Protein backbone atom coordinates (compact mmCIF):
# COMPACT_ATOMS: atom_id res chain seq x y z
CA UNK A 1 5.81 -79.66 -36.57
CA UNK A 2 8.92 -77.83 -35.36
CA UNK A 3 9.40 -78.95 -31.77
CA UNK A 4 11.37 -82.12 -30.89
CA UNK A 5 8.40 -84.35 -30.06
CA UNK A 6 6.52 -83.55 -33.22
CA UNK A 7 9.65 -84.28 -35.22
CA UNK A 8 9.97 -87.55 -33.34
CA UNK A 9 6.29 -88.37 -33.81
CA UNK A 10 6.64 -87.95 -37.56
CA UNK A 11 9.80 -90.04 -37.83
CA UNK A 12 9.49 -93.21 -39.87
CA UNK A 13 9.01 -96.42 -37.88
CA UNK A 14 9.19 -100.07 -38.86
CA UNK A 15 5.84 -101.33 -40.09
CA UNK A 16 5.35 -104.97 -39.26
CA UNK A 17 3.12 -106.65 -41.86
CA UNK A 18 0.20 -108.30 -40.15
CA UNK A 19 -2.49 -110.43 -41.74
CA UNK A 20 -5.86 -108.72 -41.80
CA UNK A 21 -8.68 -110.08 -39.72
CA UNK A 22 -6.53 -110.92 -36.71
CA UNK A 23 -7.75 -113.00 -33.77
CA UNK A 24 -11.31 -112.31 -32.76
CA UNK A 25 -11.86 -110.00 -29.82
CA UNK A 26 -12.68 -112.82 -27.45
CA UNK A 27 -9.03 -113.92 -27.71
CA UNK A 28 -5.85 -112.11 -26.66
CA UNK A 29 -5.41 -108.69 -28.24
CA UNK A 30 -3.09 -108.56 -31.26
CA UNK A 31 0.10 -106.52 -30.97
CA UNK A 32 0.48 -103.37 -33.04
CA UNK A 33 3.94 -102.59 -34.37
CA UNK A 34 5.34 -105.08 -31.86
CA UNK A 35 3.71 -103.30 -28.89
CA UNK A 36 1.18 -104.89 -26.57
CA UNK A 37 -2.34 -103.48 -26.72
CA UNK A 38 -4.51 -103.75 -23.61
CA UNK A 39 -8.27 -104.26 -23.65
CA UNK A 40 -8.57 -102.43 -20.31
CA UNK A 41 -6.88 -99.28 -21.70
CA UNK A 42 -8.55 -96.54 -23.73
CA UNK A 43 -8.01 -95.80 -27.41
CA UNK A 44 -5.66 -92.94 -26.52
CA UNK A 45 -3.61 -94.98 -24.05
CA UNK A 46 -3.07 -97.79 -26.51
CA UNK A 47 -2.38 -95.45 -29.43
CA UNK A 48 0.32 -93.67 -27.43
CA UNK A 49 1.97 -97.05 -26.85
CA UNK A 50 1.97 -97.96 -30.57
CA UNK A 51 5.28 -97.23 -32.33
CA UNK A 52 3.56 -97.11 -35.74
CA UNK A 53 0.88 -94.54 -34.83
CA UNK A 54 3.00 -91.59 -33.71
CA UNK A 55 1.72 -89.29 -36.46
CA UNK A 56 -1.87 -90.18 -35.63
CA UNK A 57 -1.25 -89.43 -31.95
CA UNK A 58 0.32 -86.07 -32.82
CA UNK A 59 -2.65 -85.23 -35.05
CA UNK A 60 -5.18 -86.21 -32.36
CA UNK A 61 -3.36 -83.96 -29.88
CA UNK A 62 -3.20 -81.05 -32.36
CA UNK A 63 -6.92 -81.39 -33.15
CA UNK A 64 -7.88 -81.44 -29.47
CA UNK A 65 -9.52 -84.87 -29.70
CA UNK A 66 -7.68 -86.58 -26.82
CA UNK A 67 -10.53 -86.07 -24.36
CA UNK A 68 -13.13 -87.32 -26.83
CA UNK A 69 -11.24 -90.51 -27.67
CA UNK A 70 -10.54 -91.10 -23.97
CA UNK A 71 -14.27 -90.92 -23.28
CA UNK A 72 -16.66 -93.75 -22.60
CA UNK A 73 -17.64 -94.19 -26.24
CA UNK A 74 -17.87 -96.78 -27.58
CA UNK A 75 -15.95 -95.91 -30.75
CA UNK A 76 -14.59 -97.79 -33.72
CA UNK A 77 -11.39 -96.16 -35.01
CA UNK A 78 -9.79 -96.95 -38.36
CA UNK A 79 -6.21 -96.00 -37.43
CA UNK A 80 -3.78 -95.06 -40.24
CA UNK A 81 -0.12 -95.96 -39.65
CA UNK A 82 2.83 -93.59 -39.84
CA UNK A 83 3.56 -95.06 -43.27
CA UNK A 84 0.02 -94.16 -44.37
CA UNK A 85 0.51 -90.53 -43.39
CA UNK A 86 3.97 -90.48 -44.99
CA UNK A 87 2.39 -91.59 -48.29
CA UNK A 88 0.34 -88.37 -48.49
CA UNK A 89 1.69 -85.64 -50.80
CA UNK A 90 4.79 -83.94 -49.42
CA UNK A 91 3.99 -81.24 -46.86
CA UNK A 92 0.39 -82.40 -46.29
CA UNK A 93 0.90 -83.50 -42.68
CA UNK A 94 2.87 -80.39 -41.76
CA UNK A 95 0.18 -78.16 -43.30
CA UNK A 96 -2.66 -79.96 -41.51
CA UNK A 97 -0.82 -79.54 -38.19
CA UNK A 98 -0.93 -75.73 -38.49
CA UNK A 99 -3.32 -74.03 -36.07
CA UNK A 100 -5.22 -72.33 -38.88
CA UNK A 101 -6.03 -75.74 -40.41
CA UNK A 102 -7.37 -77.36 -37.23
CA UNK A 103 -10.94 -77.61 -38.53
CA UNK A 104 -9.76 -79.48 -41.63
CA UNK A 105 -7.55 -81.77 -39.53
CA UNK A 106 -10.42 -82.47 -37.13
CA UNK A 107 -12.77 -83.38 -39.97
CA UNK A 108 -10.24 -85.77 -41.51
CA UNK A 109 -9.57 -87.48 -38.17
CA UNK A 110 -13.23 -87.80 -37.24
CA UNK A 111 -13.89 -89.36 -40.65
CA UNK A 112 -11.89 -92.30 -39.25
CA UNK A 113 -14.18 -92.65 -36.21
CA UNK A 114 -17.53 -94.39 -35.87
CA UNK A 115 -19.68 -93.85 -32.77
CA UNK A 116 -20.31 -97.55 -32.18
CA UNK A 117 -18.22 -100.65 -31.49
CA UNK A 118 -17.88 -102.87 -34.56
CA UNK A 119 -15.51 -105.86 -34.63
CA UNK A 120 -14.48 -107.48 -37.90
CA UNK A 121 -17.06 -110.26 -37.72
CA UNK A 122 -19.85 -107.70 -37.38
CA UNK A 123 -18.46 -105.60 -40.25
CA UNK A 124 -18.18 -108.67 -42.49
CA UNK A 125 -21.76 -109.60 -41.62
CA UNK A 126 -23.07 -106.14 -42.51
CA UNK A 127 -21.14 -106.23 -45.80
CA UNK A 128 -22.73 -109.58 -46.65
CA UNK A 129 -26.20 -108.37 -45.65
CA UNK A 130 -25.84 -105.34 -47.96
CA UNK A 131 -24.81 -107.38 -50.97
CA UNK A 132 -21.08 -106.75 -50.76
CA UNK A 133 -20.80 -103.01 -49.94
CA UNK A 134 -21.83 -101.48 -46.62
CA UNK A 135 -22.07 -97.70 -46.00
CA UNK A 136 -20.31 -96.51 -42.83
CA UNK A 137 -21.38 -93.03 -41.58
CA UNK A 138 -18.67 -91.45 -39.38
CA UNK A 139 -18.69 -88.82 -36.64
CA UNK A 140 -16.96 -86.46 -39.08
CA UNK A 141 -20.00 -86.45 -41.34
CA UNK A 142 -18.43 -88.36 -44.23
CA UNK A 143 -19.57 -91.82 -45.28
CA UNK A 144 -17.08 -94.64 -45.83
CA UNK A 145 -17.82 -97.86 -47.70
CA UNK A 146 -16.75 -101.26 -46.36
CA UNK A 147 -16.29 -104.27 -48.62
CA UNK A 148 -14.37 -107.54 -48.67
CA UNK A 149 -11.49 -108.55 -50.92
CA UNK A 150 -10.77 -112.17 -50.14
CA UNK A 151 -10.42 -112.33 -46.38
CA UNK A 152 -9.42 -108.68 -46.03
CA UNK A 153 -11.73 -105.85 -45.05
CA UNK A 154 -11.36 -102.83 -47.33
CA UNK A 155 -12.52 -99.31 -46.51
CA UNK A 156 -13.18 -96.83 -49.33
CA UNK A 157 -13.36 -93.11 -48.59
CA UNK A 158 -15.39 -90.43 -50.38
CA UNK A 159 -12.51 -89.69 -52.78
CA UNK A 160 -12.35 -93.31 -53.98
CA UNK A 161 -9.16 -94.10 -52.05
CA UNK A 162 -9.16 -97.63 -50.59
CA UNK A 163 -7.48 -98.69 -47.33
CA UNK A 164 -6.89 -102.25 -46.14
CA UNK A 165 -7.42 -103.33 -42.54
CA UNK A 166 -3.99 -104.77 -41.69
CA UNK A 167 -4.66 -105.49 -38.01
CA UNK A 168 -8.27 -106.02 -36.97
CA UNK A 169 -10.06 -106.22 -33.62
CA UNK A 170 -7.64 -104.40 -31.30
CA UNK A 171 -9.98 -104.32 -28.33
CA UNK A 172 -10.09 -101.16 -26.16
CA UNK A 173 -11.91 -100.30 -22.95
CA UNK A 174 -13.95 -97.77 -24.95
CA UNK A 175 -14.27 -99.48 -28.32
CA UNK A 176 -12.09 -101.10 -30.95
CA UNK A 177 -9.26 -100.11 -33.30
CA UNK A 178 -8.67 -101.48 -36.78
CA UNK A 179 -5.24 -100.57 -38.16
CA UNK A 180 -5.34 -99.41 -41.80
CA UNK A 181 -2.66 -98.70 -44.41
CA UNK A 182 -4.04 -95.50 -45.91
CA UNK A 183 -5.46 -92.18 -44.70
CA UNK A 184 -9.20 -91.81 -45.35
CA UNK A 185 -10.23 -88.43 -46.74
CA UNK A 186 -13.65 -86.74 -46.89
CA UNK A 187 -15.06 -85.73 -50.25
CA UNK A 188 -15.30 -82.15 -51.41
CA UNK A 189 -19.03 -81.94 -50.78
CA UNK A 190 -20.03 -81.06 -47.22
CA UNK A 191 -21.74 -84.02 -45.62
CA UNK A 192 -24.25 -83.67 -42.83
CA UNK A 193 -23.11 -85.14 -39.54
CA UNK A 194 -26.69 -85.80 -38.47
CA UNK A 195 -27.35 -88.37 -41.19
CA UNK A 196 -26.14 -91.15 -38.94
CA UNK A 197 -23.38 -91.77 -36.49
CA UNK A 198 -22.91 -95.52 -36.33
CA UNK A 199 -22.28 -98.73 -38.22
CA UNK A 200 -26.02 -99.24 -38.71
CA UNK A 201 -26.56 -98.50 -35.01
CA UNK A 202 -27.98 -95.43 -33.28
CA UNK A 203 -25.63 -93.27 -31.24
CA UNK A 204 -26.49 -93.22 -27.54
CA UNK A 205 -27.46 -89.59 -26.72
CA UNK A 206 -26.16 -90.14 -23.18
CA UNK A 207 -22.73 -91.27 -24.43
CA UNK A 208 -19.81 -89.76 -22.53
CA UNK A 209 -17.54 -88.21 -25.17
CA UNK A 210 -14.93 -87.21 -22.62
CA UNK A 211 -15.74 -83.50 -22.78
CA UNK A 212 -16.16 -83.23 -19.01
CA UNK A 213 -14.99 -80.25 -17.02
CA UNK A 214 -11.55 -80.02 -15.44
CA UNK A 215 -13.16 -79.57 -12.00
CA UNK A 216 -10.81 -76.82 -10.86
CA UNK A 217 -7.57 -78.41 -12.04
CA UNK A 218 -5.07 -75.90 -13.43
CA UNK A 219 -4.67 -75.86 -17.20
CA UNK A 220 -1.28 -76.74 -18.70
CA UNK A 221 -0.22 -74.81 -21.79
CA UNK A 222 -3.83 -73.66 -22.08
CA UNK A 223 -5.15 -77.23 -22.21
CA UNK A 224 -7.60 -78.57 -19.60
CA UNK A 225 -6.27 -81.31 -17.35
CA UNK A 226 -8.90 -83.73 -16.11
CA UNK A 227 -8.57 -85.33 -12.66
CA UNK A 228 -10.55 -88.32 -13.97
CA UNK A 229 -7.77 -89.04 -16.50
CA UNK A 230 -4.41 -90.65 -15.78
CA UNK A 231 -0.95 -89.16 -16.15
CA UNK A 232 -0.43 -90.37 -19.72
CA UNK A 233 -3.85 -89.23 -20.95
CA UNK A 234 -3.38 -85.71 -19.56
CA UNK A 235 0.24 -85.46 -20.69
CA UNK A 236 -0.77 -86.33 -24.26
CA UNK A 237 -3.25 -83.45 -24.14
CA UNK A 238 -0.64 -80.90 -23.02
CA UNK A 239 0.83 -78.80 -25.85
CA UNK A 240 3.92 -77.94 -23.77
CA UNK A 241 4.90 -81.48 -22.74
CA UNK A 242 5.12 -83.10 -26.16
CA UNK A 243 8.82 -83.97 -25.88
CA UNK A 244 8.15 -85.68 -22.57
CA UNK A 245 5.35 -87.74 -24.16
CA UNK A 246 7.68 -88.83 -26.98
CA UNK A 247 10.34 -89.81 -24.46
CA UNK A 248 7.88 -91.77 -22.30
CA UNK A 249 6.64 -93.57 -25.39
CA UNK A 250 10.16 -94.36 -26.63
CA UNK A 251 11.18 -95.61 -23.18
CA UNK A 252 8.19 -97.95 -22.98
CA UNK A 253 6.87 -96.27 -19.84
CA UNK A 254 3.37 -95.35 -21.06
CA UNK A 255 1.84 -98.47 -19.55
CA UNK A 256 3.56 -97.93 -16.19
CA UNK A 257 2.43 -94.30 -15.93
CA UNK A 258 -1.10 -95.33 -16.90
CA UNK A 259 -1.16 -97.78 -13.98
CA UNK A 260 -2.69 -97.39 -10.54
CA UNK A 261 0.31 -95.67 -8.97
CA UNK A 262 -0.02 -93.32 -7.33
CA UNK A 263 2.84 -91.35 -8.85
CA UNK A 264 4.12 -87.81 -8.60
CA UNK A 265 5.66 -86.66 -11.88
CA UNK A 266 7.81 -83.55 -12.20
CA UNK A 267 7.13 -82.91 -15.86
CA UNK A 268 9.67 -80.89 -17.89
CA UNK A 269 8.27 -78.61 -20.57
CA UNK A 270 9.27 -78.67 -24.24
CA UNK A 271 11.32 -75.55 -23.54
CA UNK A 272 13.19 -77.41 -20.79
CA UNK A 273 14.16 -80.19 -23.19
CA UNK A 274 15.05 -77.64 -25.88
CA UNK A 275 17.48 -75.99 -23.43
CA UNK A 276 19.60 -79.16 -23.27
CA UNK A 277 22.74 -79.20 -25.45
CA UNK A 278 22.08 -79.55 -29.18
CA UNK A 279 21.34 -83.14 -30.20
CA UNK A 280 20.69 -84.39 -26.67
CA UNK A 281 16.99 -85.19 -27.17
CA UNK A 282 17.56 -86.82 -30.55
CA UNK A 283 20.36 -88.95 -29.09
CA UNK A 284 18.31 -90.04 -26.08
CA UNK A 285 15.42 -91.10 -28.33
CA UNK A 286 17.65 -93.56 -30.18
CA UNK A 287 16.98 -97.23 -29.45
CA UNK A 288 20.50 -97.93 -28.19
CA UNK A 289 20.13 -95.25 -25.49
CA UNK A 290 16.86 -96.55 -24.01
CA UNK A 291 18.40 -97.49 -20.65
CA UNK A 292 19.79 -93.97 -20.21
CA UNK A 293 16.46 -92.44 -21.25
CA UNK A 294 14.59 -94.65 -18.79
CA UNK A 295 16.93 -93.61 -15.97
CA UNK A 296 16.46 -89.90 -16.73
CA UNK A 297 12.69 -90.19 -16.91
CA UNK A 298 12.61 -92.28 -13.75
CA UNK A 299 14.47 -89.46 -11.99
CA UNK A 300 11.35 -87.32 -12.51
CA UNK A 301 8.94 -89.77 -10.85
CA UNK A 302 8.30 -90.33 -7.15
CA UNK A 303 5.95 -92.88 -5.63
CA UNK A 304 2.94 -91.40 -3.85
CA UNK A 305 0.80 -88.30 -4.35
CA UNK A 306 2.99 -85.36 -3.33
CA UNK A 307 0.78 -82.29 -3.62
CA UNK A 308 2.08 -78.93 -2.37
CA UNK A 309 0.07 -79.50 0.81
CA UNK A 310 1.80 -82.85 1.33
CA UNK A 311 5.17 -81.23 0.67
CA UNK A 312 4.48 -78.54 3.29
CA UNK A 313 3.51 -81.16 5.84
CA UNK A 314 6.67 -83.22 5.21
CA UNK A 315 9.16 -80.35 4.85
CA UNK A 316 11.89 -79.62 7.37
CA UNK A 317 12.18 -76.14 8.92
CA UNK A 318 13.89 -74.81 5.78
CA UNK A 319 11.19 -76.20 3.51
CA UNK A 320 13.18 -79.13 2.10
CA UNK A 321 11.77 -82.57 1.28
CA UNK A 322 14.12 -85.34 0.13
CA UNK A 323 12.93 -88.15 -2.17
CA UNK A 324 14.23 -91.29 -3.71
CA UNK A 325 12.89 -91.42 -7.26
CA UNK A 326 11.76 -94.59 -9.02
CA UNK A 327 15.12 -94.62 -10.80
CA UNK A 328 16.83 -94.88 -7.39
CA UNK A 329 18.30 -91.39 -7.66
CA UNK A 330 17.82 -88.70 -5.02
CA UNK A 331 15.72 -85.59 -5.68
CA UNK A 332 15.00 -82.63 -3.41
CA UNK A 333 12.10 -80.19 -3.34
CA UNK A 334 12.04 -76.91 -1.45
CA UNK A 335 8.63 -75.40 -0.77
CA UNK A 336 8.05 -71.87 0.50
CA UNK A 337 5.17 -70.40 2.49
CA UNK A 338 3.90 -68.82 -0.74
CA UNK A 339 3.49 -72.30 -2.25
CA UNK A 340 6.33 -71.84 -4.74
CA UNK A 341 8.38 -75.02 -5.24
CA UNK A 342 11.97 -75.42 -6.45
CA UNK A 343 13.50 -78.74 -7.51
CA UNK A 344 17.16 -79.69 -6.91
CA UNK A 345 18.44 -82.54 -9.06
CA UNK A 346 21.45 -84.76 -8.36
CA UNK A 347 23.61 -82.81 -10.79
CA UNK A 348 23.19 -79.68 -8.68
CA UNK A 349 20.81 -77.78 -10.98
CA UNK A 350 17.77 -75.96 -9.55
CA UNK A 351 14.49 -75.50 -11.41
CA UNK A 352 11.13 -73.98 -10.56
CA UNK A 353 7.76 -75.68 -10.63
CA UNK A 354 5.72 -73.58 -13.05
CA UNK A 355 2.35 -75.28 -12.53
CA UNK A 356 1.74 -77.27 -9.35
CA UNK A 357 -0.95 -79.70 -8.22
CA UNK A 358 -2.27 -80.93 -11.57
CA UNK A 359 -4.34 -83.75 -10.10
CA UNK A 360 -4.55 -87.06 -12.00
CA UNK A 361 -6.60 -90.20 -11.44
CA UNK A 362 -3.33 -91.96 -10.52
CA UNK A 363 -1.35 -89.21 -8.84
CA UNK A 364 -0.25 -85.64 -9.48
CA UNK A 365 1.85 -83.72 -12.00
CA UNK A 366 3.99 -80.67 -11.28
CA UNK A 367 5.19 -78.92 -14.44
CA UNK A 368 8.85 -77.93 -14.07
CA UNK A 369 11.01 -75.62 -16.21
CA UNK A 370 14.10 -77.87 -16.35
CA UNK A 371 15.09 -81.46 -17.03
CA UNK A 372 16.12 -83.14 -13.75
CA UNK A 373 19.29 -85.09 -14.42
CA UNK A 374 20.69 -87.90 -12.26
CA UNK A 375 24.44 -88.00 -11.63
CA UNK A 376 26.25 -90.00 -14.33
């Protein structure tokens, strides 16, 4: 966890206490950490928008589970808060995030996932039917135990640790999230993942887990980019655009960039953000600088789908195409016969597009090696 986004993702956030067993899923979705959650968005899209699940999002990215949890599902996810991860022994999160510990991280995360959709009323019913304690097999192979304490649903892991559902029934397009206040850990004994995959329900063998092919899209930082996914979903999966994801989340733009669009995003790499003067990223991510952050990010987004082919068709005889970005600031691209593209920002800096034509369901991304700054 050494790059700016991962530091930001692990930063403490304000946990808003919420009564367990929130409004049933037929009603409006509850907020999480003060952020709206949308029933027509996927688990990944909503999690990215939650200010109290930044560590979970970072872990899902590191474990390579973004595609799975963006899939059709349905899934039930017991989602630990940032405070839950922070309560683990010192250094645990940082150790789990190391590449050599990916298998362990993946098992822990998948022990929070059930391959079926189970809202709180269904869970409470199964607990009652089983005499007060209901076994919950997970996709990670471990078995949780659900029980009631008053009106609250409790989840016990294989180590005996108990988590409380603090926000229930956060409806998703591919399942449901229940926010919990503790990280659930598998036991020491290896459990068999084929013992059962659902909350008393069989897993559909035809279920789309999101592991579809990238269909010719270029990879970004070695990660597949799926043209069936939107800009936010693919950006979250990119290991070299983590600072950009943190900035989009902090600026409240995740919902916009998950929308229909279409948008063209010139996406700066982590190295591009790291090249800014010391302290710049940290300063921009502060709440009081949100307007400035939004303006800078908006200067990287253009309406429409501007592939390299579209740029060539629109270019003048010297290869230049002039845009007005969604922030209202001008931006210029220069495309050459070879297909190489250079970006000129309003401050006079010039940067190269490293990876072009990363097609999205709502536009296109071009990965660029510099942060494009508007004047002022």
